[in-house]
Amino acid sequence: MAGTLNKVMLIGHTGDEVKMTYFEGGNSIGRFPLATNEDYVNKSTGERVSNTEWHTIVVRNKGAEICEKYLKKGDKVYIEGRIKTRKWQDDKGIERYATEIQCIDFTFLSPKNEASNTSQTTNTTPKQEAVTKPLSSKIESAEEDDLPF
């Protein structure tokens, strides 16, 4: 394969509220932890094992503001994005690393009230205004492409 791919798709529960950072010029970044769980039965002992993996999600600008407004601790959310590792030096001169998920698209999966159980999705691609729409409309528009295969 000649090309490469850096794509992550996660469904999990938020571990905290969205923490916002605002910059000059109106840009913003939101960060929050996301927990994904893996359950399986240990074949040798017959015990049920549960592992939780924590991911740091980074959302930018309008998407970050939407997440801050609507996501609460414990909410279930679908995240699509890419893995990014940052490197910096701390106060003592030691190199530190952080691996994060740069969010490109997200869908709220927790119902906000009993009357409305529809999930919402938001595309957070740079230079594109975030628009909330049902997930099904995203899938339908992809099927209408004039692809040669």
C-alpha atoms as a PDB file:
ATOM      1  CA  MET A   1       0.000   0.000   0.000  1.00  0.00           C
ATOM      2  CA  ALA A   2       1.502   3.317  -1.073  1.00  0.00           C
ATOM      3  CA  GLY A   3      -0.485   5.633   1.233  1.00  0.00           C
ATOM      4  CA  THR A   4      -0.932   5.789   4.968  1.00  0.00           C
ATOM      5  CA  LEU A   5      -3.950   6.222   7.196  1.00  0.00           C
ATOM      6  CA  ASN A   6      -4.307   7.784  10.630  1.00  0.00           C
ATOM      7  CA  LYS A   7      -7.956   7.323  11.626  1.00  0.00           C
ATOM      8  CA  VAL A   8      -9.514   6.619  15.002  1.00  0.00           C
ATOM      9  CA  MET A   9     -13.142   5.776  15.766  1.00  0.00           C
ATOM     10  CA  LEU A  10     -14.185   5.541  19.413  1.00  0.00           C
ATOM     11  CA  ILE A  11     -17.448   5.086  21.284  1.00  0.00           C
ATOM     12  CA  GLY A  12     -17.161   5.742  24.984  1.00  0.00           C
ATOM     13  CA  HIS A  13     -18.231   7.747  27.993  1.00  0.00           C
ATOM     14  CA  THR A  14     -16.848  11.134  28.954  1.00  0.00           C
ATOM     15  CA  GLY A  15     -14.812  11.091  32.158  1.00  0.00           C
ATOM     16  CA  ASP A  16     -15.141  14.786  32.956  1.00  0.00           C
ATOM     17  CA  GLU A  17     -16.520  18.081  31.697  1.00  0.00           C
ATOM     18  CA  VAL A  18     -14.932  19.721  28.628  1.00  0.00           C
ATOM     19  CA  LYS A  19     -12.063  22.009  29.656  1.00  0.00           C
ATOM     20  CA  MET A  20     -11.834  25.011  27.337  1.00  0.00           C
ATOM     21  CA  THR A  21      -8.847  27.168  26.378  1.00  0.00           C
ATOM     22  CA  TYR A  22      -9.478  30.384  24.453  1.00  0.00           C
ATOM     23  CA  PHE A  23      -6.940  32.191  22.256  1.00  0.00           C
ATOM     24  CA  GLU A  24      -6.647  35.609  20.658  1.00  0.00           C
ATOM     25  CA  GLY A  25      -8.555  35.820  17.396  1.00  0.00           C
ATOM     26  CA  GLY A  26     -11.521  33.799  18.686  1.00  0.00           C
ATOM     27  CA  ASN A  27     -10.014  30.303  18.386  1.00  0.00           C
ATOM     28  CA  SER A  28     -10.571  27.755  21.128  1.00  0.00           C
ATOM     29  CA  ILE A  29      -9.644  24.216  22.107  1.00  0.00           C
ATOM     30  CA  GLY A  30     -11.671  21.845  24.251  1.00  0.00           C
ATOM     31  CA  ARG A  31     -10.197  18.781  25.951  1.00  0.00           C
ATOM     32  CA  PHE A  32     -11.929  15.942  27.754  1.00  0.00           C
ATOM     33  CA  PRO A  33     -11.168  12.346  28.762  1.00  0.00           C
ATOM     34  CA  LEU A  34     -13.057   9.495  27.085  1.00  0.00           C
ATOM     35  CA  ALA A  35     -13.265   5.981  28.536  1.00  0.00           C
ATOM     36  CA  THR A  36     -13.646   2.907  26.340  1.00  0.00           C
ATOM     37  CA  ASN A  37     -14.228  -0.513  27.906  1.00  0.00           C
ATOM     38  CA  GLU A  38     -13.269  -4.025  26.864  1.00  0.00           C
ATOM     39  CA  ASP A  39     -14.958  -7.028  28.491  1.00  0.00           C
ATOM     40  CA  TYR A  40     -13.929 -10.635  27.960  1.00  0.00           C
ATOM     41  CA  VAL A  41     -13.781 -13.979  29.745  1.00  0.00           C
ATOM     42  CA  ASN A  42     -10.343 -15.281  30.729  1.00  0.00           C
ATOM     43  CA  LYS A  43     -10.201 -18.775  29.174  1.00  0.00           C
ATOM     44  CA  SER A  44      -7.869 -20.236  31.795  1.00  0.00           C
ATOM     45  CA  THR A  45      -9.734 -18.993  34.903  1.00  0.00           C
ATOM     46  CA  GLY A  46     -13.245 -18.467  33.518  1.00  0.00           C
ATOM     47  CA  GLU A  47     -13.334 -15.021  35.146  1.00  0.00           C
ATOM     48  CA  ARG A  48     -14.934 -12.045  33.492  1.00  0.00           C
ATOM     49  CA  VAL A  49     -12.296  -9.335  32.919  1.00  0.00           C
ATOM     50  CA  SER A  50     -13.026  -5.664  32.254  1.00  0.00           C
ATOM     51  CA  ASN A  51     -10.384  -3.191  31.035  1.00  0.00           C
ATOM     52  CA  THR A  52     -10.874   0.554  30.690  1.00  0.00           C
ATOM     53  CA  GLU A  53      -8.711   2.606  28.315  1.00  0.00           C
ATOM     54  CA  TRP A  54      -8.610   6.385  28.725  1.00  0.00           C
ATOM     55  CA  HIS A  55      -8.191   8.708  25.720  1.00  0.00           C
ATOM     56  CA  THR A  56      -7.642  12.472  25.698  1.00  0.00           C
ATOM     57  CA  ILE A  57      -9.956  14.052  23.114  1.00  0.00           C
ATOM     58  CA  VAL A  58      -9.077  17.452  21.602  1.00  0.00           C
ATOM     59  CA  VAL A  59     -11.787  19.429  19.782  1.00  0.00           C
ATOM     60  CA  ARG A  60     -11.245  22.819  18.152  1.00  0.00           C
ATOM     61  CA  ASN A  61     -13.221  26.047  17.704  1.00  0.00           C
ATOM     62  CA  LYS A  62     -16.981  25.679  17.061  1.00  0.00           C
ATOM     63  CA  GLY A  63     -16.921  21.944  17.756  1.00  0.00           C
ATOM     64  CA  ALA A  64     -15.271  22.616  21.124  1.00  0.00           C
ATOM     65  CA  GLU A  65     -17.949  25.157  22.022  1.00  0.00           C
ATOM     66  CA  ILE A  66     -20.707  22.688  21.110  1.00  0.00           C
ATOM     67  CA  CYS A  67     -19.075  19.952  23.198  1.00  0.00           C
ATOM     68  CA  GLU A  68     -18.675  22.315  26.145  1.00  0.00           C
ATOM     69  CA  LYS A  69     -22.345  23.268  25.958  1.00  0.00           C
ATOM     70  CA  TYR A  70     -23.875  19.798  25.534  1.00  0.00           C
ATOM     71  CA  LEU A  71     -21.442  17.134  26.817  1.00  0.00           C
ATOM     72  CA  LYS A  72     -21.528  16.296  30.505  1.00  0.00           C
ATOM     73  CA  LYS A  73     -19.534  13.800  32.540  1.00  0.00           C
ATOM     74  CA  GLY A  74     -20.735  10.254  31.808  1.00  0.00           C
ATOM     75  CA  ASP A  75     -22.328  11.033  28.414  1.00  0.00           C
ATOM     76  CA  LYS A  76     -21.882   8.477  25.650  1.00  0.00           C
ATOM     77  CA  VAL A  77     -20.307   9.882  22.478  1.00  0.00           C
ATOM     78  CA  TYR A  78     -18.884   8.683  19.161  1.00  0.00           C
ATOM     79  CA  ILE A  79     -15.573  10.328  18.242  1.00  0.00           C
ATOM     80  CA  GLU A  80     -13.824  10.186  14.886  1.00  0.00           C
ATOM     81  CA  GLY A  81     -10.387  11.675  14.441  1.00  0.00           C
ATOM     82  CA  ARG A  82      -6.664  10.996  14.252  1.00  0.00           C
ATOM     83  CA  ILE A  83      -3.882  10.209  16.723  1.00  0.00           C
ATOM     84  CA  LYS A  84      -1.447  13.015  17.462  1.00  0.00           C
ATOM     85  CA  THR A  85       1.534  12.894  19.831  1.00  0.00           C
ATOM     86  CA  ARG A  86       2.826  16.156  21.293  1.00  0.00           C
ATOM     87  CA  LYS A  87       6.312  16.593  22.740  1.00  0.00           C
ATOM     88  CA  TRP A  88       7.512  19.349  25.068  1.00  0.00           C
ATOM     89  CA  GLN A  89       9.970  20.040  27.860  1.00  0.00           C
ATOM     90  CA  ASP A  90       8.679  20.539  31.371  1.00  0.00           C
ATOM     91  CA  ASP A  91      10.004  23.058  33.930  1.00  0.00           C
ATOM     92  CA  LYS A  92      12.873  20.709  34.848  1.00  0.00           C
ATOM     93  CA  GLY A  93      13.957  20.237  31.221  1.00  0.00           C
ATOM     94  CA  ILE A  94      12.585  16.682  30.964  1.00  0.00           C
ATOM     95  CA  GLU A  95      10.971  15.751  27.638  1.00  0.00           C
ATOM     96  CA  ARG A  96       7.299  14.893  28.044  1.00  0.00           C
ATOM     97  CA  TYR A  97       4.895  13.274  25.590  1.00  0.00           C
ATOM     98  CA  ALA A  98       1.114  13.254  25.310  1.00  0.00           C
ATOM     99  CA  THR A  99      -0.850  11.151  22.839  1.00  0.00           C
ATOM    100  CA  GLU A 100      -4.237  12.653  22.017  1.00  0.00           C
ATOM    101  CA  ILE A 101      -7.142  12.108  19.649  1.00  0.00           C
ATOM    102  CA  GLN A 102      -7.612  15.163  17.412  1.00  0.00           C
ATOM    103  CA  CYS A 103     -11.397  15.093  16.905  1.00  0.00           C
ATOM    104  CA  ILE A 104     -12.675  15.644  13.364  1.00  0.00           C
ATOM    105  CA  ASP A 105     -16.260  14.456  13.822  1.00  0.00           C
ATOM    106  CA  PHE A 106     -18.440  13.548  16.798  1.00  0.00           C
ATOM    107  CA  THR A 107     -21.931  12.249  17.499  1.00  0.00           C
ATOM    108  CA  PHE A 108     -23.740  12.593  20.819  1.00  0.00           C
ATOM    109  CA  LEU A 109     -25.220   9.203  21.718  1.00  0.00           C
ATOM    110  CA  SER A 110     -26.733   9.923  25.152  1.00  0.00           C
ATOM    111  CA  PRO A 111     -30.348  11.088  24.958  1.00  0.00           C
ATOM    112  CA  LYS A 112     -30.735  14.548  26.486  1.00  0.00           C
ATOM    113  CA  ASN A 113     -34.372  14.033  27.401  1.00  0.00           C
ATOM    114  CA  GLU A 114     -36.944  11.242  27.275  1.00  0.00           C
ATOM    115  CA  ALA A 115     -38.920  12.769  24.386  1.00  0.00           C
ATOM    116  CA  SER A 116     -36.033  13.130  21.932  1.00  0.00           C
ATOM    117  CA  ASN A 117     -33.659  10.168  21.465  1.00  0.00           C
ATOM    118  CA  THR A 118     -32.112  11.245  18.146  1.00  0.00           C
ATOM    119  CA  SER A 119     -28.335  11.314  17.945  1.00  0.00           C
ATOM    120  CA  GLN A 120     -26.579  14.370  16.583  1.00  0.00           C
ATOM    121  CA  THR A 121     -23.329  14.677  14.641  1.00  0.00           C
ATOM    122  CA  THR A 122     -21.050  17.614  14.042  1.00  0.00           C
ATOM    123  CA  ASN A 123     -18.222  17.893  11.551  1.00  0.00           C
ATOM    124  CA  THR A 124     -15.334  19.890  12.997  1.00  0.00           C
ATOM    125  CA  THR A 125     -13.111  20.022   9.942  1.00  0.00           C
ATOM    126  CA  PRO A 126     -11.082  23.271   9.844  1.00  0.00           C
ATOM    127  CA  LYS A 127     -12.499  26.155   7.787  1.00  0.00           C
ATOM    128  CA  GLN A 128     -15.940  24.534   7.762  1.00  0.00           C
ATOM    129  CA  GLU A 129     -18.709  25.815   9.983  1.00  0.00           C
ATOM    130  CA  ALA A 130     -19.952  23.118  12.340  1.00  0.00           C
ATOM    131  CA  VAL A 131     -23.533  22.155  11.614  1.00  0.00           C
ATOM    132  CA  THR A 132     -25.589  19.807  13.752  1.00  0.00           C
ATOM    133  CA  LYS A 133     -27.452  17.214  11.679  1.00  0.00           C
ATOM    134  CA  PRO A 134     -28.779  13.657  12.074  1.00  0.00           C
ATOM    135  CA  LEU A 135     -26.219  10.909  11.512  1.00  0.00           C
ATOM    136  CA  SER A 136     -28.389   9.265   8.840  1.00  0.00           C
ATOM    137  CA  SER A 137     -28.113  12.304   6.539  1.00  0.00           C
ATOM    138  CA  LYS A 138     -24.332  11.994   6.597  1.00  0.00           C
ATOM    139  CA  ILE A 139     -24.530   8.367   5.464  1.00  0.00           C
ATOM    140  CA  GLU A 140     -27.063   9.119   2.713  1.00  0.00           C
ATOM    141  CA  SER A 141     -24.941  11.918   1.240  1.00  0.00           C
ATOM    142  CA  ALA A 142     -21.944   9.569   1.041  1.00  0.00           C
ATOM    143  CA  GLU A 143     -24.000   7.073  -1.010  1.00  0.00           C
ATOM    144  CA  GLU A 144     -24.901   9.719  -3.595  1.00  0.00           C
ATOM    145  CA  ASP A 145     -21.290  10.249  -4.712  1.00  0.00           C
ATOM    146  CA  ASP A 146     -20.483   9.481  -8.342  1.00  0.00           C
ATOM    147  CA  LEU A 147     -17.653   7.079  -7.621  1.00  0.00           C
ATOM    148  CA  PRO A 148     -16.344   4.900 -10.467  1.00  0.00           C
ATOM    149  CA  PHE A 149     -16.319   1.780  -8.295  1.00  0.00           C
END
